N, C-alpha and C. Protein backbone atom coordinates (compact mmCIF):
# COMPACT_ATOMS: atom_id res chain seq x y z
N UNK A 1 184.34 322.88 213.77
CA UNK A 1 183.66 323.54 213.79
C UNK A 1 182.44 322.89 213.80
N UNK A 2 181.21 322.58 215.12
CA UNK A 2 180.03 321.67 214.69
C UNK A 2 179.15 322.73 215.56
N UNK A 3 178.37 323.30 214.12
CA UNK A 3 177.13 324.59 214.30
C UNK A 3 176.29 323.29 215.57
N UNK A 4 175.67 324.46 215.88
CA UNK A 4 174.62 323.50 217.35
C UNK A 4 173.35 323.81 216.39
N UNK A 5 172.15 322.81 216.99
CA UNK A 5 171.00 323.11 216.34
C UNK A 5 169.89 323.93 217.36
N UNK A 6 169.71 324.65 217.09
CA UNK A 6 168.49 326.32 217.66
C UNK A 6 166.36 325.29 217.45
N UNK A 7 166.47 326.03 218.11
CA UNK A 7 164.82 325.94 217.90
C UNK A 7 164.28 326.44 216.65
N UNK A 8 165.50 326.89 215.76
CA UNK A 8 164.92 327.31 214.39
C UNK A 8 164.70 325.82 213.53
N UNK A 9 166.10 325.47 213.80
CA UNK A 9 166.11 323.93 212.61
C UNK A 9 165.01 323.40 213.50
N UNK A 10 164.99 323.36 214.74
CA UNK A 10 164.04 321.96 215.16
C UNK A 10 162.17 322.22 214.97
N UNK A 11 162.69 323.67 214.28
CA UNK A 11 160.70 324.15 213.68
C UNK A 11 161.01 323.35 211.78
N UNK A 12 162.07 322.88 212.03
CA UNK A 12 162.48 322.29 209.96
C UNK A 12 161.81 320.60 210.66
N UNK A 13 162.27 320.23 211.33
CA UNK A 13 161.49 318.61 211.38
C UNK A 13 160.19 318.80 211.17
N UNK A 14 159.11 319.35 211.07
CA UNK A 14 158.18 318.96 210.17
C UNK A 14 157.98 318.67 209.32
N UNK A 15 158.65 318.76 208.47
CA UNK A 15 158.82 318.90 206.89
C UNK A 15 158.95 317.41 206.37
N UNK A 16 160.27 317.00 207.55
CA UNK A 16 160.08 315.95 207.46
C UNK A 16 159.14 314.44 206.92
N UNK A 17 159.40 313.67 206.13
CA UNK A 17 158.38 312.65 205.79
C UNK A 17 158.30 313.03 204.29
N UNK A 18 156.93 311.93 204.36
CA UNK A 18 156.22 311.67 202.38
C UNK A 18 154.42 312.82 202.23
N UNK A 19 155.17 313.53 201.14
CA UNK A 19 153.96 313.88 201.04
C UNK A 19 153.48 314.04 198.97
N UNK A 20 152.14 314.22 199.25
CA UNK A 20 151.36 313.49 198.48
C UNK A 20 150.84 314.97 197.99
N UNK A 21 150.38 315.71 196.68
CA UNK A 21 149.75 317.16 195.96
C UNK A 21 148.85 317.15 194.94
N UNK A 22 148.45 317.63 195.27
CA UNK A 22 147.29 317.36 193.67
C UNK A 22 146.84 319.36 193.46
N UNK A 23 147.64 319.91 192.67
CA UNK A 23 147.02 321.42 193.09
C UNK A 23 146.78 322.34 191.05
N UNK A 24 145.94 323.47 191.72
CA UNK A 24 145.91 323.94 189.84
C UNK A 24 146.89 325.14 189.99
N UNK A 25 148.23 325.06 189.29
CA UNK A 25 148.86 325.87 188.69
C UNK A 25 149.39 326.83 187.58
N UNK A 26 149.83 328.25 187.66
CA UNK A 26 149.69 328.70 186.61
C UNK A 26 150.56 329.89 186.48
N UNK A 27 151.34 330.15 185.10
CA UNK A 27 152.38 331.84 185.25
C UNK A 27 150.77 332.79 185.74
N UNK A 28 151.67 333.57 186.10
CA UNK A 28 150.87 335.25 186.44
C UNK A 28 149.80 335.44 185.09
N UNK A 29 148.40 335.01 184.74
CA UNK A 29 147.77 335.61 183.65
C UNK A 29 148.03 335.30 182.63
N UNK A 30 148.47 333.82 183.54
CA UNK A 30 148.91 332.70 182.05
C UNK A 30 147.51 331.72 182.14
N UNK A 31 148.21 330.58 181.52
CA UNK A 31 146.05 328.74 181.67
C UNK A 31 147.03 329.19 182.90
N UNK A 32 146.47 327.97 183.95
CA UNK A 32 146.75 326.67 184.50
C UNK A 32 146.24 325.76 184.21
N UNK A 33 147.40 324.92 185.22
CA UNK A 33 147.10 323.38 184.27
C UNK A 33 147.40 322.36 185.56
N UNK A 34 147.02 321.26 186.08
CA UNK A 34 147.57 320.59 186.99
C UNK A 34 148.75 319.98 187.18
N UNK A 35 149.02 319.86 188.83
CA UNK A 35 150.71 319.46 188.93
C UNK A 35 149.59 318.09 189.97
N UNK A 36 150.22 316.84 189.97
CA UNK A 36 149.91 316.14 191.23
C UNK A 36 151.69 314.94 190.69
N UNK A 37 151.62 315.30 192.79
CA UNK A 37 152.89 313.74 192.59
C UNK A 37 153.54 314.27 193.93
N UNK A 38 154.93 314.07 194.86
CA UNK A 38 154.85 313.53 195.62
C UNK A 38 156.09 313.67 195.73
N UNK A 39 156.23 314.32 197.06
CA UNK A 39 157.81 314.72 197.51
C UNK A 39 157.84 314.40 199.06
N UNK A 40 159.33 314.70 198.66
CA UNK A 40 159.72 313.77 199.91
C UNK A 40 160.86 314.62 200.64
N UNK A 41 160.57 314.68 202.44
CA UNK A 41 161.35 315.46 202.87
C UNK A 41 162.12 314.53 203.63
N UNK A 42 163.82 315.27 203.58
CA UNK A 42 164.75 313.87 205.20
C UNK A 42 164.89 315.40 205.50
N UNK A 43 166.32 314.77 206.36
CA UNK A 43 167.03 315.61 207.46
C UNK A 43 168.55 315.28 206.79
N UNK A 44 169.24 315.89 206.50
CA UNK A 44 171.00 316.43 206.68
C UNK A 44 171.06 316.60 208.16
N UNK A 45 171.89 315.71 209.11
CA UNK A 45 171.86 316.07 209.83
C UNK A 45 170.80 317.03 210.60
N UNK A 46 170.99 317.91 212.01
CA UNK A 46 169.90 318.37 212.54
C UNK A 46 170.05 319.72 211.88
N UNK A 47 170.18 320.74 211.51
CA UNK A 47 170.66 321.71 210.37
C UNK A 47 170.02 322.20 209.25
N UNK A 48 169.77 321.03 208.63
CA UNK A 48 168.73 320.66 207.06
C UNK A 48 168.13 319.79 206.78
N UNK A 49 167.07 320.27 205.93
CA UNK A 49 165.77 319.80 205.20
C UNK A 49 166.31 319.52 204.02
N UNK A 50 165.88 318.41 203.73
CA UNK A 50 165.57 318.01 202.17
C UNK A 50 164.95 317.81 201.40
N UNK A 51 163.71 318.45 200.30
CA UNK A 51 163.36 317.82 199.85
C UNK A 51 162.88 317.99 198.52
N UNK A 52 162.27 316.62 198.10
CA UNK A 52 162.79 316.76 196.19
C UNK A 52 160.87 316.16 196.35
N UNK A 53 160.95 316.67 194.69
CA UNK A 53 159.40 316.58 194.56
C UNK A 53 159.21 315.98 192.92
N UNK A 54 158.48 315.14 192.99
CA UNK A 54 158.78 314.52 191.61
C UNK A 54 156.61 314.60 190.93
N UNK A 55 156.51 315.15 189.61
CA UNK A 55 155.05 315.19 189.43
C UNK A 55 155.44 314.17 188.22
N UNK A 56 154.60 313.56 187.77
CA UNK A 56 154.34 313.04 185.70
C UNK A 56 153.14 313.39 184.95
N UNK A 57 152.78 314.62 185.74
CA UNK A 57 150.66 314.97 184.74
C UNK A 57 151.19 316.24 184.49
N UNK A 58 152.28 316.93 184.58
CA UNK A 58 152.35 318.25 184.59
C UNK A 58 152.11 318.80 182.44
N UNK A 59 151.37 319.56 182.45
CA UNK A 59 150.27 319.93 181.48
C UNK A 59 151.73 319.69 180.43
N UNK A 60 152.67 320.90 180.31
CA UNK A 60 154.20 320.76 179.77
C UNK A 60 154.97 319.58 179.90
N UNK A 61 154.98 318.52 180.73
CA UNK A 61 155.42 317.46 180.81
C UNK A 61 156.19 317.33 182.35
N UNK A 62 156.84 316.20 182.69
CA UNK A 62 157.45 315.93 184.09
C UNK A 62 158.35 316.67 184.31
N UNK A 63 157.98 316.84 186.00
CA UNK A 63 158.78 317.93 186.48
C UNK A 63 160.08 317.48 187.39
N UNK A 64 160.71 317.31 187.36
CA UNK A 64 161.76 317.19 188.86
C UNK A 64 162.19 318.66 189.86
N UNK A 65 161.80 318.54 191.24
CA UNK A 65 163.01 319.99 191.79
C UNK A 65 163.30 319.10 193.14
N UNK A 66 164.70 320.22 193.82
CA UNK A 66 164.47 319.67 195.20
C UNK A 66 164.63 321.01 195.89
N UNK A 67 164.09 321.36 196.94
CA UNK A 67 164.39 322.11 197.75
C UNK A 67 165.17 322.04 199.35
N UNK A 68 166.24 323.08 199.75
CA UNK A 68 166.93 322.90 200.87
C UNK A 68 166.42 323.98 201.33
N UNK A 69 166.58 323.45 202.63
CA UNK A 69 165.88 324.89 203.77
C UNK A 69 166.68 324.66 205.39
N UNK A 70 167.30 325.46 205.61
CA UNK A 70 168.28 325.49 206.82
C UNK A 70 168.06 326.61 207.67
N UNK A 71 168.18 326.59 208.88
CA UNK A 71 168.98 328.71 209.34
C UNK A 71 169.77 328.66 209.67
N UNK A 72 170.37 329.92 209.00
CA UNK A 72 171.57 330.49 209.20
C UNK A 72 171.82 331.17 210.49
N UNK A 73 172.28 331.37 211.68
CA UNK A 73 172.15 332.28 213.20
C UNK A 73 172.76 333.21 212.93
N UNK A 74 174.07 333.44 211.76
CA UNK A 74 174.82 334.33 211.65
C UNK A 74 174.35 335.57 210.98
N UNK A 75 173.79 334.62 210.17
CA UNK A 75 172.12 335.90 209.22
C UNK A 75 170.89 336.35 209.80
N UNK A 76 171.04 335.46 210.71
CA UNK A 76 169.98 335.60 211.69
C UNK A 76 168.08 335.51 210.71
N UNK A 77 168.14 334.42 209.79
CA UNK A 77 167.22 334.18 209.30
C UNK A 77 167.10 332.68 208.29
N UNK A 78 166.07 332.43 208.01
CA UNK A 78 166.09 330.86 207.02
C UNK A 78 166.84 331.19 206.03
N UNK A 79 167.35 330.17 205.10
CA UNK A 79 167.76 330.39 204.22
C UNK A 79 167.83 328.77 203.03
N UNK A 80 167.26 329.25 202.18
CA UNK A 80 167.65 328.09 201.07
C UNK A 80 167.93 328.07 199.46
N UNK A 81 167.05 326.65 198.67
CA UNK A 81 167.71 327.49 197.67
C UNK A 81 166.71 326.14 196.91
N UNK A 82 166.29 326.07 195.23
CA UNK A 82 165.39 325.72 194.78
C UNK A 82 166.46 325.82 193.46
N UNK A 83 165.97 324.13 192.79
CA UNK A 83 166.33 323.79 191.77
C UNK A 83 165.46 322.79 191.08
N UNK A 84 165.04 323.46 189.91
CA UNK A 84 163.86 322.08 189.09
C UNK A 84 164.24 322.01 187.22
N UNK A 85 163.24 321.11 186.70
CA UNK A 85 164.56 321.11 185.56
C UNK A 85 163.22 321.83 185.04
N UNK A 86 162.40 323.28 184.87
CA UNK A 86 161.62 323.87 184.49
C UNK A 86 163.55 325.02 184.01
N UNK A 87 163.92 325.35 185.57
CA UNK A 87 164.67 326.67 185.23
C UNK A 87 166.19 325.50 184.56
N UNK A 88 166.83 326.37 184.14
CA UNK A 88 168.87 326.94 184.33
C UNK A 88 169.22 327.25 185.58
N UNK A 89 168.01 328.24 186.55
CA UNK A 89 168.53 329.16 187.24
C UNK A 89 168.53 327.98 188.54
N UNK A 90 169.41 328.47 189.81
CA UNK A 90 169.47 328.01 190.94
C UNK A 90 168.81 329.62 192.23
N UNK A 91 167.47 329.60 192.72
CA UNK A 91 166.99 330.06 193.59
C UNK A 91 167.18 329.73 194.92
N UNK A 92 167.67 331.11 194.77
CA UNK A 92 168.47 331.31 196.48
C UNK A 92 167.60 332.05 197.42
N UNK A 93 167.19 331.47 198.05
CA UNK A 93 166.04 332.18 199.39
C UNK A 93 166.27 332.68 200.27
N UNK A 94 165.45 333.38 201.39
CA UNK A 94 165.82 334.10 202.25
C UNK A 94 164.74 334.75 203.10
N UNK A 95 164.20 334.07 203.98
CA UNK A 95 162.81 334.51 204.56
C UNK A 95 163.33 334.63 206.60
N UNK A 96 162.19 334.92 207.01
CA UNK A 96 161.83 334.90 208.67
C UNK A 96 160.67 334.46 208.57
N UNK A 97 160.57 333.41 209.71
CA UNK A 97 159.33 332.32 210.30
C UNK A 97 158.55 333.75 210.61
N UNK A 98 156.80 333.74 210.60
CA UNK A 98 155.75 335.03 209.97
C UNK A 98 155.69 334.70 211.75
N UNK A 99 155.05 335.85 211.77
CA UNK A 99 154.84 336.12 213.37
C UNK A 99 153.56 334.96 214.21
N UNK A 100 152.86 334.37 213.34
CA UNK A 100 152.04 332.93 213.70
C UNK A 100 152.64 331.86 213.17
N UNK A 101 153.99 331.47 213.09
CA UNK A 101 155.03 330.81 213.46
C UNK A 101 154.51 329.95 212.95
N UNK A 102 153.37 329.80 211.60
CA UNK A 102 153.02 328.02 210.44
C UNK A 102 153.92 328.39 209.42
N UNK A 103 155.00 329.11 209.00
CA UNK A 103 154.90 329.87 207.44
C UNK A 103 156.35 330.69 207.96
N UNK A 104 157.49 329.94 206.55
CA UNK A 104 158.37 331.08 206.11
C UNK A 104 157.97 331.34 204.64
N UNK A 105 157.75 332.87 204.71
CA UNK A 105 157.63 333.61 203.74
C UNK A 105 159.21 333.87 203.08
N UNK A 106 159.84 333.18 201.51
CA UNK A 106 161.29 333.44 201.59
C UNK A 106 161.16 334.16 200.59
N UNK A 107 161.78 335.55 200.43
CA UNK A 107 162.32 336.34 199.31
C UNK A 107 163.46 335.61 197.86
N UNK A 108 163.31 335.71 196.68
CA UNK A 108 163.96 335.66 196.04
C UNK A 108 164.01 336.15 194.22
N UNK A 109 165.01 335.37 193.42
CA UNK A 109 164.89 336.12 193.20
C UNK A 109 164.67 335.17 191.31
N UNK A 110 163.99 334.89 190.17
CA UNK A 110 164.40 333.75 189.47
C UNK A 110 163.65 334.97 188.23
N UNK A 111 163.74 333.73 187.00
CA UNK A 111 163.34 334.67 185.33
C UNK A 111 162.69 334.75 185.89
N UNK A 112 161.68 336.41 184.96
CA UNK A 112 160.79 336.66 184.84
C UNK A 112 159.37 335.59 183.45
N UNK A 113 158.23 335.93 184.13
CA UNK A 113 157.85 335.35 183.04
C UNK A 113 157.99 335.42 181.67
N UNK A 114 157.36 336.78 181.96
CA UNK A 114 157.76 338.05 180.94
C UNK A 114 158.83 337.59 179.91
N UNK A 115 159.73 337.60 180.65
CA UNK A 115 160.58 337.76 179.87
C UNK A 115 162.07 337.00 180.42
N UNK A 116 161.96 335.55 179.99
CA UNK A 116 163.17 335.32 181.06
C UNK A 116 164.39 335.00 181.00
N UNK A 117 164.83 336.35 179.84
CA UNK A 117 166.73 336.94 180.35
C UNK A 117 166.73 337.67 181.42
N UNK A 118 165.16 338.24 182.25
CA UNK A 118 165.45 339.20 183.28
C UNK A 118 165.41 338.62 184.67
N UNK A 119 165.60 339.38 186.22
CA UNK A 119 164.85 338.34 186.59
C UNK A 119 163.79 339.20 187.69
N UNK A 120 162.85 338.21 187.78
CA UNK A 120 162.28 339.17 189.29
C UNK A 120 161.67 338.72 190.22
N UNK A 121 161.27 339.24 191.11
CA UNK A 121 160.98 339.42 192.15
C UNK A 121 160.23 337.47 192.99
N UNK A 122 160.22 336.79 193.34
CA UNK A 122 159.97 335.97 194.02
C UNK A 122 159.13 336.27 195.19
N UNK A 123 157.57 335.39 195.73
CA UNK A 123 158.22 334.82 196.75
C UNK A 123 157.65 334.10 197.30
N UNK A 124 157.43 333.22 197.53
CA UNK A 124 157.73 331.45 198.13
C UNK A 124 157.88 330.93 199.75
N UNK A 125 156.22 330.78 200.06
CA UNK A 125 155.63 330.61 201.51
C UNK A 125 155.56 329.17 201.82
N UNK A 126 156.63 328.62 202.44
CA UNK A 126 155.96 326.94 202.57
C UNK A 126 155.71 327.37 203.70
N UNK A 127 154.32 327.07 204.49
CA UNK A 127 153.30 326.93 205.68
C UNK A 127 153.07 325.79 206.01
N UNK A 128 152.18 325.65 207.21
CA UNK A 128 151.79 324.37 207.69
C UNK A 128 149.52 324.48 208.07
N UNK A 129 149.11 323.82 207.70
CA UNK A 129 147.76 324.09 207.52
C UNK A 129 147.83 323.37 209.77
N UNK A 130 148.54 322.15 209.57
CA UNK A 130 148.51 320.80 210.44
C UNK A 130 149.70 320.18 210.44
N UNK A 131 149.89 319.49 211.16
CA UNK A 131 150.92 318.69 211.12
C UNK A 131 151.25 317.38 210.02
N UNK A 132 150.01 317.52 209.45
CA UNK A 132 149.55 316.46 208.03
C UNK A 132 149.49 317.26 207.09
N UNK A 133 148.95 318.62 206.73
CA UNK A 133 149.35 319.51 206.29
C UNK A 133 150.20 320.58 206.11
N UNK A 134 150.54 320.21 204.96
CA UNK A 134 151.12 322.19 204.26
C UNK A 134 150.86 322.68 202.79
N UNK A 135 151.76 323.65 203.68
CA UNK A 135 150.96 324.29 201.61
C UNK A 135 152.28 325.26 200.32
N UNK A 136 152.46 325.55 199.65
CA UNK A 136 153.46 325.80 199.04
C UNK A 136 153.08 327.30 199.07
N UNK A 137 152.75 328.47 198.62
CA UNK A 137 152.48 329.73 197.77
C UNK A 137 152.96 330.21 197.14
N UNK A 138 153.23 330.64 195.63
CA UNK A 138 154.29 331.38 195.43
C UNK A 138 153.85 332.92 195.01
N UNK A 139 154.68 334.16 194.72
CA UNK A 139 153.90 335.44 194.01
C UNK A 139 154.96 335.88 193.87
N UNK A 140 154.42 337.14 192.85
CA UNK A 140 155.37 337.54 191.77
C UNK A 140 155.16 339.16 192.32
N UNK A 141 155.89 339.94 192.54
CA UNK A 141 155.74 341.21 192.75
C UNK A 141 155.93 341.94 191.10
N UNK A 142 154.67 342.57 191.28
CA UNK A 142 154.37 343.74 190.49
C UNK A 142 155.26 344.85 190.16
N UNK A 143 155.57 345.79 189.39
CA UNK A 143 155.46 346.92 188.83
C UNK A 143 155.80 347.92 190.04
N UNK A 144 154.24 347.92 190.87
CA UNK A 144 153.26 348.92 191.32
C UNK A 144 153.54 348.21 193.11
N UNK A 145 154.54 347.10 193.19
CA UNK A 145 154.73 347.22 194.61
C UNK A 145 154.08 345.86 194.42
N UNK A 146 152.70 345.49 194.38
CA UNK A 146 152.24 344.64 195.50
C UNK A 146 152.40 343.12 194.56
N UNK A 147 152.25 342.11 195.02
CA UNK A 147 152.32 340.30 195.03
C UNK A 147 151.02 340.13 194.92
N UNK A 148 151.24 339.46 193.63
CA UNK A 148 150.49 338.58 192.92
C UNK A 148 150.17 336.95 192.73
N UNK A 149 149.82 336.26 193.49
CA UNK A 149 150.21 334.69 193.85
C UNK A 149 149.33 333.95 192.69
N UNK A 150 150.20 333.22 191.95
CA UNK A 150 149.96 332.56 191.10
C UNK A 150 150.12 331.00 191.40
N UNK A 151 150.14 331.05 192.06
CA UNK A 151 149.96 329.30 192.37
C UNK A 151 149.70 328.72 194.48
N UNK A 152 149.50 327.83 194.35
CA UNK A 152 149.54 327.27 195.74
C UNK A 152 149.09 325.39 195.57
N UNK A 153 150.20 324.94 196.40
CA UNK A 153 150.26 323.56 196.02
C UNK A 153 149.88 323.30 197.91
N UNK A 154 148.55 322.05 197.58
CA UNK A 154 148.45 321.80 199.49
C UNK A 154 149.07 320.20 198.91
N UNK A 155 149.68 320.53 200.00
CA UNK A 155 150.12 318.51 200.43
C UNK A 155 149.93 318.38 201.70
N UNK A 156 149.84 316.26 201.31
CA UNK A 156 149.34 316.21 202.60
C UNK A 156 150.33 314.98 202.58
N UNK A 157 150.54 314.40 204.16
CA UNK A 157 151.46 313.52 204.66
C UNK A 157 150.63 311.65 204.47
N UNK A 158 151.99 311.69 203.79
CA UNK A 158 151.96 309.86 203.27
C UNK A 158 152.11 309.31 205.10
N UNK A 159 153.30 309.85 204.98
CA UNK A 159 154.15 309.35 206.37
C UNK A 159 155.44 309.98 206.95
């Protein structure tokens, strides 16, 4: 069985390349820290993209992460995952392309900032400002049902 790529898979090719980032990040209500580094995205066939990020100037030490993004035609939405050195959990993504066609807001469960033994609801939005500039915005769902953005990373294409 060989899945055929769709226009949803073609949209993902925008990620492919080398990117640099420099950003202020932090936990909701917590101290902000600078994070700079590089992320390289490559294709896995025509159906998936994989990005590997590294940084060495994060206030809590170096960090590495890997993100996978694809489109599941049976489920009818984008899927993905995120792993990184700060956590022992696999974050599983599910999302739809926004109405503007320039971002995918992914919903996910991950450890709570307040109590890492419990899960919280997050939204990681991977979007494009232009073909050579993109962003990742992370937000946390509060008890009142509102989203609080706590991180934005802007990436600029190197190649």
